Amino acid sequence: RMTYISTLTKQFYESGESLNVKKTDYLSIQVTVALI
């Protein structure tokens, strides 16, 4: 599920369409995935 969230976050971040997703959020999710 977190991998899916990570993919979805990447899409939001790279498309620039999301107002809530920042680069720090994307990196934080990547770290979370690695920890899991």
Full PDB file with SEQRES, HELIX, SHEET, SSBOND, CRYST1, ORIGX, SCALE, CONECT and MASTER records, all heavy atoms in Angstrom:
SEQRES   1 A   36  ARG MET THR TYR ILE SER THR LEU THR LYS GLN PHE TYR          
SEQRES   2 A   36  GLU SER GLY GLU SER LEU ASN VAL LYS LYS THR ASP TYR          
SEQRES   3 A   36  LEU SER ILE GLN VAL THR VAL ALA LEU ILE                      
HELIX    1 AA1 MET A    2  SER A   15  1                                  14    
HELIX    2 AA2 LYS A   23  LEU A   35  1                                  13    
CRYST1    1.000    1.000    1.000  90.00  90.00  90.00 P 1           1          
ORIGX1      1.000000  0.000000  0.000000        0.00000                         
ORIGX2      0.000000  1.000000  0.000000        0.00000                         
ORIGX3      0.000000  0.000000  1.000000        0.00000                         
SCALE1      1.000000  0.000000  0.000000        0.00000                         
SCALE2      0.000000  1.000000  0.000000        0.00000                         
SCALE3      0.000000  0.000000  1.000000        0.00000                         
ATOM      1  N   ARG A   1       0.821  -1.207   0.000  1.00  0.00           N  
ATOM      2  CA  ARG A   1       0.000   0.000   0.000  1.00  0.00           C  
ATOM      3  C   ARG A   1       0.862   1.268   0.000  1.00  0.00           C  
ATOM      4  O   ARG A   1       0.554   2.248  -0.693  1.00  0.00           O  
ATOM      5  CB  ARG A   1      -0.948  -0.005   1.214  1.00  0.00           C  
ATOM      6  CG  ARG A   1      -2.034  -1.060   1.129  1.00  0.00           C  
ATOM      7  CD  ARG A   1      -3.137  -0.789   2.141  1.00  0.00           C  
ATOM      8  NE  ARG A   1      -2.632  -0.838   3.506  1.00  0.00           N  
ATOM      9  CZ  ARG A   1      -2.623  -1.939   4.259  1.00  0.00           C  
ATOM     10  NH1 ARG A   1      -3.089  -3.071   3.760  1.00  0.00           N  
ATOM     11  NH2 ARG A   1      -2.165  -1.882   5.484  1.00  0.00           N  
ATOM     12  N   MET A   2       1.941   1.222   0.796  1.00  0.00           N  
ATOM     13  CA  MET A   2       2.819   2.381   0.827  1.00  0.00           C  
ATOM     14  C   MET A   2       3.559   2.561  -0.489  1.00  0.00           C  
ATOM     15  O   MET A   2       3.870   3.687  -0.909  1.00  0.00           O  
ATOM     16  CB  MET A   2       3.827   2.243   1.982  1.00  0.00           C  
ATOM     17  CG  MET A   2       3.227   2.498   3.349  1.00  0.00           C  
ATOM     18  SD  MET A   2       2.454   4.132   3.507  1.00  0.00           S  
ATOM     19  CE  MET A   2       3.842   5.207   3.206  1.00  0.00           C  
ATOM     20  N   THR A   3       3.834   1.472  -1.171  1.00  0.00           N  
ATOM     21  CA  THR A   3       4.443   1.591  -2.506  1.00  0.00           C  
ATOM     22  C   THR A   3       3.475   2.281  -3.459  1.00  0.00           C  
ATOM     23  O   THR A   3       3.874   3.125  -4.292  1.00  0.00           O  
ATOM     24  CB  THR A   3       4.811   0.195  -3.030  1.00  0.00           C  
ATOM     25  OG1 THR A   3       5.723  -0.430  -2.114  1.00  0.00           O  
ATOM     26  CG2 THR A   3       5.462   0.277  -4.399  1.00  0.00           C  
ATOM     27  N   TYR A   4       2.214   1.904  -3.346  1.00  0.00           N  
ATOM     28  CA  TYR A   4       1.206   2.578  -4.175  1.00  0.00           C  
ATOM     29  C   TYR A   4       1.119   4.054  -3.809  1.00  0.00           C  
ATOM     30  O   TYR A   4       1.063   4.921  -4.702  1.00  0.00           O  
ATOM     31  CB  TYR A   4      -0.151   1.905  -3.969  1.00  0.00           C  
ATOM     32  CG  TYR A   4      -1.306   2.686  -4.548  1.00  0.00           C  
ATOM     33  CD1 TYR A   4      -1.500   2.757  -5.939  1.00  0.00           C  
ATOM     34  CD2 TYR A   4      -2.188   3.377  -3.710  1.00  0.00           C  
ATOM     35  CE1 TYR A   4      -2.558   3.490  -6.465  1.00  0.00           C  
ATOM     36  CE2 TYR A   4      -3.241   4.109  -4.234  1.00  0.00           C  
ATOM     37  CZ  TYR A   4      -3.418   4.158  -5.621  1.00  0.00           C  
ATOM     38  OH  TYR A   4      -4.453   4.897  -6.153  1.00  0.00           O  
ATOM     39  N   ILE A   5       1.118   4.361  -2.482  1.00  0.00           N  
ATOM     40  CA  ILE A   5       1.079   5.756  -2.040  1.00  0.00           C  
ATOM     41  C   ILE A   5       2.311   6.506  -2.552  1.00  0.00           C  
ATOM     42  O   ILE A   5       2.227   7.683  -2.973  1.00  0.00           O  
ATOM     43  CB  ILE A   5       0.993   5.847  -0.501  1.00  0.00           C  
ATOM     44  CG1 ILE A   5      -0.312   5.226   0.006  1.00  0.00           C  
ATOM     45  CG2 ILE A   5       1.107   7.287  -0.036  1.00  0.00           C  
ATOM     46  CD1 ILE A   5      -1.561   5.906  -0.472  1.00  0.00           C  
ATOM     47  N   SER A   6       3.465   5.823  -2.532  1.00  0.00           N  
ATOM     48  CA  SER A   6       4.695   6.448  -3.022  1.00  0.00           C  
ATOM     49  C   SER A   6       4.584   6.766  -4.515  1.00  0.00           C  
ATOM     50  O   SER A   6       4.981   7.854  -4.969  1.00  0.00           O  
ATOM     51  CB  SER A   6       5.886   5.523  -2.764  1.00  0.00           C  
ATOM     52  OG  SER A   6       7.066   6.061  -3.314  1.00  0.00           O  
ATOM     53  N   THR A   7       4.031   5.838  -5.282  1.00  0.00           N  
ATOM     54  CA  THR A   7       3.855   6.070  -6.726  1.00  0.00           C  
ATOM     55  C   THR A   7       2.887   7.215  -6.968  1.00  0.00           C  
ATOM     56  O   THR A   7       3.107   8.096  -7.829  1.00  0.00           O  
ATOM     57  CB  THR A   7       3.343   4.788  -7.399  1.00  0.00           C  
ATOM     58  OG1 THR A   7       4.265   3.721  -7.137  1.00  0.00           O  
ATOM     59  CG2 THR A   7       3.200   4.988  -8.894  1.00  0.00           C  
ATOM     60  N   LEU A   8       1.789   7.223  -6.197  1.00  0.00           N  
ATOM     61  CA  LEU A   8       0.798   8.284  -6.342  1.00  0.00           C  
ATOM     62  C   LEU A   8       1.382   9.637  -5.946  1.00  0.00           C  
ATOM     63  O   LEU A   8       1.141  10.677  -6.626  1.00  0.00           O  
ATOM     64  CB  LEU A   8      -0.417   7.958  -5.474  1.00  0.00           C  
ATOM     65  CG  LEU A   8      -1.657   8.859  -5.632  1.00  0.00           C  
ATOM     66  CD1 LEU A   8      -2.165   8.814  -7.080  1.00  0.00           C  
ATOM     67  CD2 LEU A   8      -2.747   8.442  -4.658  1.00  0.00           C  
ATOM     68  N   THR A   9       2.204   9.645  -4.881  1.00  0.00           N  
ATOM     69  CA  THR A   9       2.850  10.897  -4.450  1.00  0.00           C  
ATOM     70  C   THR A   9       3.814  11.410  -5.510  1.00  0.00           C  
ATOM     71  O   THR A   9       3.909  12.628  -5.761  1.00  0.00           O  
ATOM     72  CB  THR A   9       3.593  10.661  -3.128  1.00  0.00           C  
ATOM     73  OG1 THR A   9       2.685  10.173  -2.159  1.00  0.00           O  
ATOM     74  CG2 THR A   9       4.221  11.948  -2.624  1.00  0.00           C  
ATOM     75  N   LYS A  10       4.523  10.498  -6.138  1.00  0.00           N  
ATOM     76  CA  LYS A  10       5.467  10.884  -7.194  1.00  0.00           C  
ATOM     77  C   LYS A  10       4.721  11.544  -8.352  1.00  0.00           C  
ATOM     78  O   LYS A  10       5.171  12.553  -8.922  1.00  0.00           O  
ATOM     79  CB  LYS A  10       6.237   9.658  -7.666  1.00  0.00           C  
ATOM     80  CG  LYS A  10       7.276   9.970  -8.728  1.00  0.00           C  
ATOM     81  CD  LYS A  10       8.023   8.714  -9.126  1.00  0.00           C  
ATOM     82  CE  LYS A  10       9.077   9.045 -10.194  1.00  0.00           C  
ATOM     83  NZ  LYS A  10       9.805   7.829 -10.628  1.00  0.00           N  
ATOM     84  N   GLN A  11       3.587  10.961  -8.701  1.00  0.00           N  
ATOM     85  CA  GLN A  11       2.791  11.544  -9.790  1.00  0.00           C  
ATOM     86  C   GLN A  11       2.313  12.943  -9.420  1.00  0.00           C  
ATOM     87  O   GLN A  11       2.392  13.879 -10.232  1.00  0.00           O  
ATOM     88  CB  GLN A  11       1.600  10.636 -10.098  1.00  0.00           C  
ATOM     89  CG  GLN A  11       1.985   9.298 -10.714  1.00  0.00           C  
ATOM     90  CD  GLN A  11       0.791   8.393 -10.899  1.00  0.00           C  
ATOM     91  OE1 GLN A  11      -0.343   8.764 -10.545  1.00  0.00           O  
ATOM     92  NE2 GLN A  11       1.024   7.211 -11.454  1.00  0.00           N  
ATOM     93  N   PHE A  12       1.810  13.104  -8.172  1.00  0.00           N  
ATOM     94  CA  PHE A  12       1.355  14.420  -7.718  1.00  0.00           C  
ATOM     95  C   PHE A  12       2.501  15.431  -7.741  1.00  0.00           C  
ATOM     96  O   PHE A  12       2.353  16.578  -8.167  1.00  0.00           O  
ATOM     97  CB  PHE A  12       0.775  14.334  -6.308  1.00  0.00           C  
ATOM     98  CG  PHE A  12      -0.595  13.707  -6.242  1.00  0.00           C  
ATOM     99  CD1 PHE A  12      -1.042  13.058  -5.097  1.00  0.00           C  
ATOM    100  CD2 PHE A  12      -1.464  13.789  -7.325  1.00  0.00           C  
ATOM    101  CE1 PHE A  12      -2.302  12.497  -5.032  1.00  0.00           C  
ATOM    102  CE2 PHE A  12      -2.739  13.224  -7.263  1.00  0.00           C  
ATOM    103  CZ  PHE A  12      -3.161  12.570  -6.125  1.00  0.00           C  
ATOM    104  N   TYR A  13       3.664  14.987  -7.274  1.00  0.00           N  
ATOM    105  CA  TYR A  13       4.800  15.908  -7.160  1.00  0.00           C  
ATOM    106  C   TYR A  13       5.346  16.311  -8.527  1.00  0.00           C  
ATOM    107  O   TYR A  13       5.611  17.487  -8.796  1.00  0.00           O  
ATOM    108  CB  TYR A  13       5.891  15.253  -6.317  1.00  0.00           C  
ATOM    109  CG  TYR A  13       7.195  16.022  -6.316  1.00  0.00           C  
ATOM    110  CD1 TYR A  13       7.294  17.253  -5.668  1.00  0.00           C  
ATOM    111  CD2 TYR A  13       8.312  15.517  -6.979  1.00  0.00           C  
ATOM    112  CE1 TYR A  13       8.480  17.963  -5.686  1.00  0.00           C  
ATOM    113  CE2 TYR A  13       9.488  16.222  -6.992  1.00  0.00           C  
ATOM    114  CZ  TYR A  13       9.584  17.453  -6.334  1.00  0.00           C  
ATOM    115  OH  TYR A  13      10.770  18.159  -6.367  1.00  0.00           O  
ATOM    116  N   GLU A  14       5.475  15.315  -9.418  1.00  0.00           N  
ATOM    117  CA  GLU A  14       6.056  15.613 -10.729  1.00  0.00           C  
ATOM    118  C   GLU A  14       5.087  16.374 -11.623  1.00  0.00           C  
ATOM    119  O   GLU A  14       5.499  17.185 -12.462  1.00  0.00           O  
ATOM    120  CB  GLU A  14       6.488  14.308 -11.406  1.00  0.00           C  
ATOM    121  CG  GLU A  14       7.683  13.651 -10.723  1.00  0.00           C  
ATOM    122  CD  GLU A  14       8.074  12.352 -11.397  1.00  0.00           C  
ATOM    123  OE1 GLU A  14       7.281  11.868 -12.250  1.00  0.00           O  
ATOM    124  OE2 GLU A  14       9.149  11.786 -11.075  1.00  0.00           O  
ATOM    125  N   SER A  15       3.789  16.106 -11.457  1.00  0.00           N  
ATOM    126  CA  SER A  15       2.817  16.825 -12.301  1.00  0.00           C  
ATOM    127  C   SER A  15       2.590  18.255 -11.799  1.00  0.00           C  
ATOM    128  O   SER A  15       2.173  19.139 -12.558  1.00  0.00           O  
ATOM    129  CB  SER A  15       1.491  16.062 -12.318  1.00  0.00           C  
ATOM    130  OG  SER A  15       0.917  16.024 -11.022  1.00  0.00           O  
ATOM    131  N   GLY A  16       2.847  18.471 -10.518  1.00  0.00           N  
ATOM    132  CA  GLY A  16       2.634  19.791  -9.939  1.00  0.00           C  
ATOM    133  C   GLY A  16       1.178  20.167  -9.789  1.00  0.00           C  
ATOM    134  O   GLY A  16       0.854  21.331  -9.543  1.00  0.00           O  
ATOM    135  N   GLU A  17       0.286  19.186  -9.898  1.00  0.00           N  
ATOM    136  CA  GLU A  17      -1.147  19.488  -9.817  1.00  0.00           C  
ATOM    137  C   GLU A  17      -1.651  19.506  -8.370  1.00  0.00           C  
ATOM    138  O   GLU A  17      -2.718  20.037  -8.100  1.00  0.00           O  
ATOM    139  CB  GLU A  17      -1.934  18.430 -10.601  1.00  0.00           C  
ATOM    140  CG  GLU A  17      -1.604  18.437 -12.093  1.00  0.00           C  
ATOM    141  CD  GLU A  17      -2.331  17.326 -12.817  1.00  0.00           C  
ATOM    142  OE1 GLU A  17      -3.014  16.518 -12.107  1.00  0.00           O  
ATOM    143  OE2 GLU A  17      -2.239  17.231 -14.056  1.00  0.00           O  
ATOM    144  N   SER A  18      -0.888  18.893  -7.443  1.00  0.00           N  
ATOM    145  CA  SER A  18      -1.335  18.819  -6.042  1.00  0.00           C  
ATOM    146  C   SER A  18      -0.874  20.040  -5.269  1.00  0.00           C  
ATOM    147  O   SER A  18       0.254  20.514  -5.432  1.00  0.00           O  
ATOM    148  CB  SER A  18      -0.789  17.559  -5.379  1.00  0.00           C  
ATOM    149  OG  SER A  18      -1.106  17.538  -4.023  1.00  0.00           O  
ATOM    150  N   LEU A  19      -1.788  20.534  -4.412  1.00  0.00           N  
ATOM    151  CA  LEU A  19      -1.453  21.670  -3.560  1.00  0.00           C  
ATOM    152  C   LEU A  19      -0.911  21.204  -2.199  1.00  0.00           C  
ATOM    153  O   LEU A  19      -0.389  22.014  -1.429  1.00  0.00           O  
ATOM    154  CB  LEU A  19      -2.694  22.538  -3.338  1.00  0.00           C  
ATOM    155  CG  LEU A  19      -3.322  23.149  -4.612  1.00  0.00           C  
ATOM    156  CD1 LEU A  19      -4.596  23.880  -4.258  1.00  0.00           C  
ATOM    157  CD2 LEU A  19      -2.331  24.073  -5.305  1.00  0.00           C  
ATOM    158  N   ASN A  20      -1.064  19.870  -1.890  1.00  0.00           N  
ATOM    159  CA  ASN A  20      -0.666  19.360  -0.584  1.00  0.00           C  
ATOM    160  C   ASN A  20       0.688  18.637  -0.590  1.00  0.00           C  
ATOM    161  O   ASN A  20       1.303  18.458   0.455  1.00  0.00           O  
ATOM    162  CB  ASN A  20      -1.724  18.382  -0.057  1.00  0.00           C  
ATOM    163  CG  ASN A  20      -3.053  19.065   0.196  1.00  0.00           C  
ATOM    164  OD1 ASN A  20      -3.080  20.173   0.741  1.00  0.00           O  
ATOM    165  ND2 ASN A  20      -4.147  18.437  -0.216  1.00  0.00           N  
ATOM    166  N   VAL A  21       1.128  18.184  -1.767  1.00  0.00           N  
ATOM    167  CA  VAL A  21       2.340  17.368  -1.851  1.00  0.00           C  
ATOM    168  C   VAL A  21       3.539  18.233  -2.170  1.00  0.00           C  
ATOM    169  O   VAL A  21       3.537  18.981  -3.151  1.00  0.00           O  
ATOM    170  CB  VAL A  21       2.189  16.268  -2.924  1.00  0.00           C  
ATOM    171  CG1 VAL A  21       3.486  15.474  -3.035  1.00  0.00           C  
ATOM    172  CG2 VAL A  21       1.030  15.352  -2.581  1.00  0.00           C  
ATOM    173  N   LYS A  22       4.558  18.132  -1.326  1.00  0.00           N  
ATOM    174  CA  LYS A  22       5.803  18.844  -1.542  1.00  0.00           C  
ATOM    175  C   LYS A  22       6.911  17.814  -1.731  1.00  0.00           C  
ATOM    176  O   LYS A  22       6.714  16.611  -1.562  1.00  0.00           O  
ATOM    177  CB  LYS A  22       6.127  19.735  -0.344  1.00  0.00           C  
ATOM    178  CG  LYS A  22       5.013  20.665   0.082  1.00  0.00           C  
ATOM    179  CD  LYS A  22       5.434  21.467   1.284  1.00  0.00           C  
ATOM    180  CE  LYS A  22       4.273  22.195   1.917  1.00  0.00           C  
ATOM    181  NZ  LYS A  22       3.243  21.306   2.421  1.00  0.00           N  
ATOM    182  N   LYS A  23       8.082  18.315  -2.036  1.00  0.00           N  
ATOM    183  CA  LYS A  23       9.222  17.414  -2.216  1.00  0.00           C  
ATOM    184  C   LYS A  23       9.561  16.699  -0.925  1.00  0.00           C  
ATOM    185  O   LYS A  23       9.925  15.519  -0.926  1.00  0.00           O  
ATOM    186  CB  LYS A  23      10.422  18.205  -2.717  1.00  0.00           C  
ATOM    187  CG  LYS A  23      11.618  17.314  -3.057  1.00  0.00           C  
ATOM    188  CD  LYS A  23      12.761  18.118  -3.645  1.00  0.00           C  
ATOM    189  CE  LYS A  23      13.923  17.196  -4.008  1.00  0.00           C  
ATOM    190  NZ  LYS A  23      15.048  17.940  -4.606  1.00  0.00           N  
ATOM    191  N   THR A  24       9.452  17.413   0.184  1.00  0.00           N  
ATOM    192  CA  THR A  24       9.735  16.791   1.482  1.00  0.00           C  
ATOM    193  C   THR A  24       8.766  15.648   1.783  1.00  0.00           C  
ATOM    194  O   THR A  24       9.146  14.636   2.385  1.00  0.00           O  
ATOM    195  CB  THR A  24       9.654  17.836   2.610  1.00  0.00           C  
ATOM    196  OG1 THR A  24       8.368  18.494   2.541  1.00  0.00           O  
ATOM    197  CG2 THR A  24      10.753  18.875   2.464  1.00  0.00           C  
ATOM    198  N   ASP A  25       7.527  15.796   1.354  1.00  0.00           N  
ATOM    199  CA  ASP A  25       6.551  14.704   1.550  1.00  0.00           C  
ATOM    200  C   ASP A  25       6.947  13.484   0.725  1.00  0.00           C  
ATOM    201  O   ASP A  25       6.862  12.338   1.202  1.00  0.00           O  
ATOM    202  CB  ASP A  25       5.151  15.177   1.140  1.00  0.00           C  
ATOM    203  CG  ASP A  25       4.653  16.311   2.018  1.00  0.00           C  
ATOM    204  OD1 ASP A  25       4.996  16.310   3.223  1.00  0.00           O  
ATOM    205  OD2 ASP A  25       3.946  17.194   1.506  1.00  0.00           O  
ATOM    206  N   TYR A  26       7.374  13.775  -0.512  1.00  0.00           N  
ATOM    207  CA  TYR A  26       7.779  12.672  -1.388  1.00  0.00           C  
ATOM    208  C   TYR A  26       8.976  11.934  -0.789  1.00  0.00           C  
ATOM    209  O   TYR A  26       9.008  10.699  -0.751  1.00  0.00           O  
ATOM    210  CB  TYR A  26       8.102  13.220  -2.775  1.00  0.00           C  
ATOM    211  CG  TYR A  26       8.710  12.194  -3.707  1.00  0.00           C  
ATOM    212  CD1 TYR A  26       7.961  11.114  -4.160  1.00  0.00           C  
ATOM    213  CD2 TYR A  26      10.050  12.290  -4.103  1.00  0.00           C  
ATOM    214  CE1 TYR A  26       8.516  10.164  -5.010  1.00  0.00           C  
ATOM    215  CE2 TYR A  26      10.603  11.343  -4.941  1.00  0.00           C  
ATOM    216  CZ  TYR A  26       9.837  10.280  -5.387  1.00  0.00           C  
ATOM    217  OH  TYR A  26      10.394   9.354  -6.225  1.00  0.00           O  
ATOM    218  N   LEU A  27       9.966  12.677  -0.298  1.00  0.00           N  
ATOM    219  CA  LEU A  27      11.145  12.060   0.291  1.00  0.00           C  
ATOM    220  C   LEU A  27      10.794  11.321   1.580  1.00  0.00           C  
ATOM    221  O   LEU A  27      11.334  10.239   1.856  1.00  0.00           O  
ATOM    222  CB  LEU A  27      12.200  13.137   0.578  1.00  0.00           C  
ATOM    223  CG  LEU A  27      12.804  13.829  -0.660  1.00  0.00           C  
ATOM    224  CD1 LEU A  27      13.749  14.937  -0.239  1.00  0.00           C  
ATOM    225  CD2 LEU A  27      13.522  12.820  -1.550  1.00  0.00           C  
ATOM    226  N   SER A  28       9.900  11.901   2.371  1.00  0.00           N  
ATOM    227  CA  SER A  28       9.482  11.251   3.613  1.00  0.00           C  
ATOM    228  C   SER A  28       8.814   9.912   3.340  1.00  0.00           C  
ATOM    229  O   SER A  28       9.060   8.913   4.033  1.00  0.00           O  
ATOM    230  CB  SER A  28       8.536  12.157   4.384  1.00  0.00           C  
ATOM    231  OG  SER A  28       8.090  11.527   5.572  1.00  0.00           O  
ATOM    232  N   ILE A  29       7.987   9.878   2.305  1.00  0.00           N  
ATOM    233  CA  ILE A  29       7.320   8.618   1.950  1.00  0.00           C  
ATOM    234  C   ILE A  29       8.328   7.595   1.447  1.00  0.00           C  
ATOM    235  O   ILE A  29       8.221   6.394   1.733  1.00  0.00           O  
ATOM    236  CB  ILE A  29       6.213   8.883   0.899  1.00  0.00           C  
ATOM    237  CG1 ILE A  29       5.063   9.649   1.560  1.00  0.00           C  
ATOM    238  CG2 ILE A  29       5.717   7.582   0.294  1.00  0.00           C  
ATOM    239  CD1 ILE A  29       3.951  10.029   0.619  1.00  0.00           C  
ATOM    240  N   GLN A  30       9.336   8.045   0.709  1.00  0.00           N  
ATOM    241  CA  GLN A  30      10.371   7.130   0.229  1.00  0.00           C  
ATOM    242  C   GLN A  30      11.120   6.496   1.394  1.00  0.00           C  
ATOM    243  O   GLN A  30      11.403   5.299   1.391  1.00  0.00           O  
ATOM    244  CB  GLN A  30      11.357   7.900  -0.672  1.00  0.00           C  
ATOM    245  CG  GLN A  30      10.774   8.355  -2.004  1.00  0.00           C  
ATOM    246  CD  GLN A  30      10.422   7.160  -2.887  1.00  0.00           C  
ATOM    247  OE1 GLN A  30      11.177   6.202  -3.004  1.00  0.00           O  
ATOM    248  NE2 GLN A  30       9.247   7.227  -3.496  1.00  0.00           N  
ATOM    249  N   VAL A  31      11.442   7.346   2.392  1.00  0.00           N  
ATOM    250  CA  VAL A  31      12.115   6.824   3.595  1.00  0.00           C  
ATOM    251  C   VAL A  31      11.215   5.824   4.312  1.00  0.00           C  
ATOM    252  O   VAL A  31      11.664   4.770   4.778  1.00  0.00           O  
ATOM    253  CB  VAL A  31      12.503   7.990   4.523  1.00  0.00           C  
ATOM    254  CG1 VAL A  31      13.016   7.442   5.859  1.00  0.00           C  
ATOM    255  CG2 VAL A  31      13.555   8.868   3.885  1.00  0.00           C  
ATOM    256  N   THR A  32       9.919   6.140   4.399  1.00  0.00           N  
ATOM    257  CA  THR A  32       8.975   5.239   5.068  1.00  0.00           C  
ATOM    258  C   THR A  32       8.907   3.893   4.365  1.00  0.00           C  
ATOM    259  O   THR A  32       8.892   2.828   5.013  1.00  0.00           O  
ATOM    260  CB  THR A  32       7.578   5.881   5.111  1.00  0.00           C  
ATOM    261  OG1 THR A  32       7.643   7.129   5.803  1.00  0.00           O  
ATOM    262  CG2 THR A  32       6.587   4.966   5.813  1.00  0.00           C  
ATOM    263  N   VAL A  33       8.877   3.927   3.052  1.00  0.00           N  
ATOM    264  CA  VAL A  33       8.846   2.679   2.273  1.00  0.00           C  
ATOM    265  C   VAL A  33      10.098   1.857   2.535  1.00  0.00           C  
ATOM    266  O   VAL A  33      10.044   0.629   2.705  1.00  0.00           O  
ATOM    267  CB  VAL A  33       8.684   2.978   0.771  1.00  0.00           C  
ATOM    268  CG1 VAL A  33       8.875   1.695  -0.047  1.00  0.00           C  
ATOM    269  CG2 VAL A  33       7.319   3.581   0.481  1.00  0.00           C  
ATOM    270  N   ALA A  34      11.243   2.522   2.585  1.00  0.00           N  
ATOM    271  CA  ALA A  34      12.498   1.806   2.836  1.00  0.00           C  
ATOM    272  C   ALA A  34      12.501   1.170   4.226  1.00  0.00           C  
ATOM    273  O   ALA A  34      12.966   0.035   4.417  1.00  0.00           O  
ATOM    274  CB  ALA A  34      13.671   2.771   2.685  1.00  0.00           C  
ATOM    275  N   LEU A  35      11.982   1.909   5.216  1.00  0.00           N  
ATOM    276  CA  LEU A  35      11.913   1.366   6.575  1.00  0.00           C  
ATOM    277  C   LEU A  35      10.990   0.154   6.638  1.00  0.00           C  
ATOM    278  O   LEU A  35      11.288  -0.833   7.312  1.00  0.00           O  
ATOM    279  CB  LEU A  35      11.435   2.443   7.543  1.00  0.00           C  
ATOM    280  CG  LEU A  35      12.422   3.581   7.837  1.00  0.00           C  
ATOM    281  CD1 LEU A  35      11.760   4.642   8.712  1.00  0.00           C  
ATOM    282  CD2 LEU A  35      13.678   3.049   8.512  1.00  0.00           C  
ATOM    283  N   ILE A  36       9.871   0.238   5.943  1.00  0.00           N  
ATOM    284  CA  ILE A  36       8.925  -0.894   5.937  1.00  0.00           C  
ATOM    285  C   ILE A  36       9.549  -2.100   5.246  1.00  0.00           C  
ATOM    286  O   ILE A  36       9.360  -3.253   5.663  1.00  0.00           O  
ATOM    287  CB  ILE A  36       7.600  -0.479   5.265  1.00  0.00           C  
ATOM    288  CG1 ILE A  36       6.900   0.605   6.095  1.00  0.00           C  
ATOM    289  CG2 ILE A  36       6.680  -1.685   5.110  1.00  0.00           C  
ATOM    290  CD1 ILE A  36       5.651   1.160   5.466  1.00  0.00           C  
TER     291      ILE A  36                                                      
MASTER        0    0    0    2    0    0    0    6  290    1    0    3          
END                                                                             
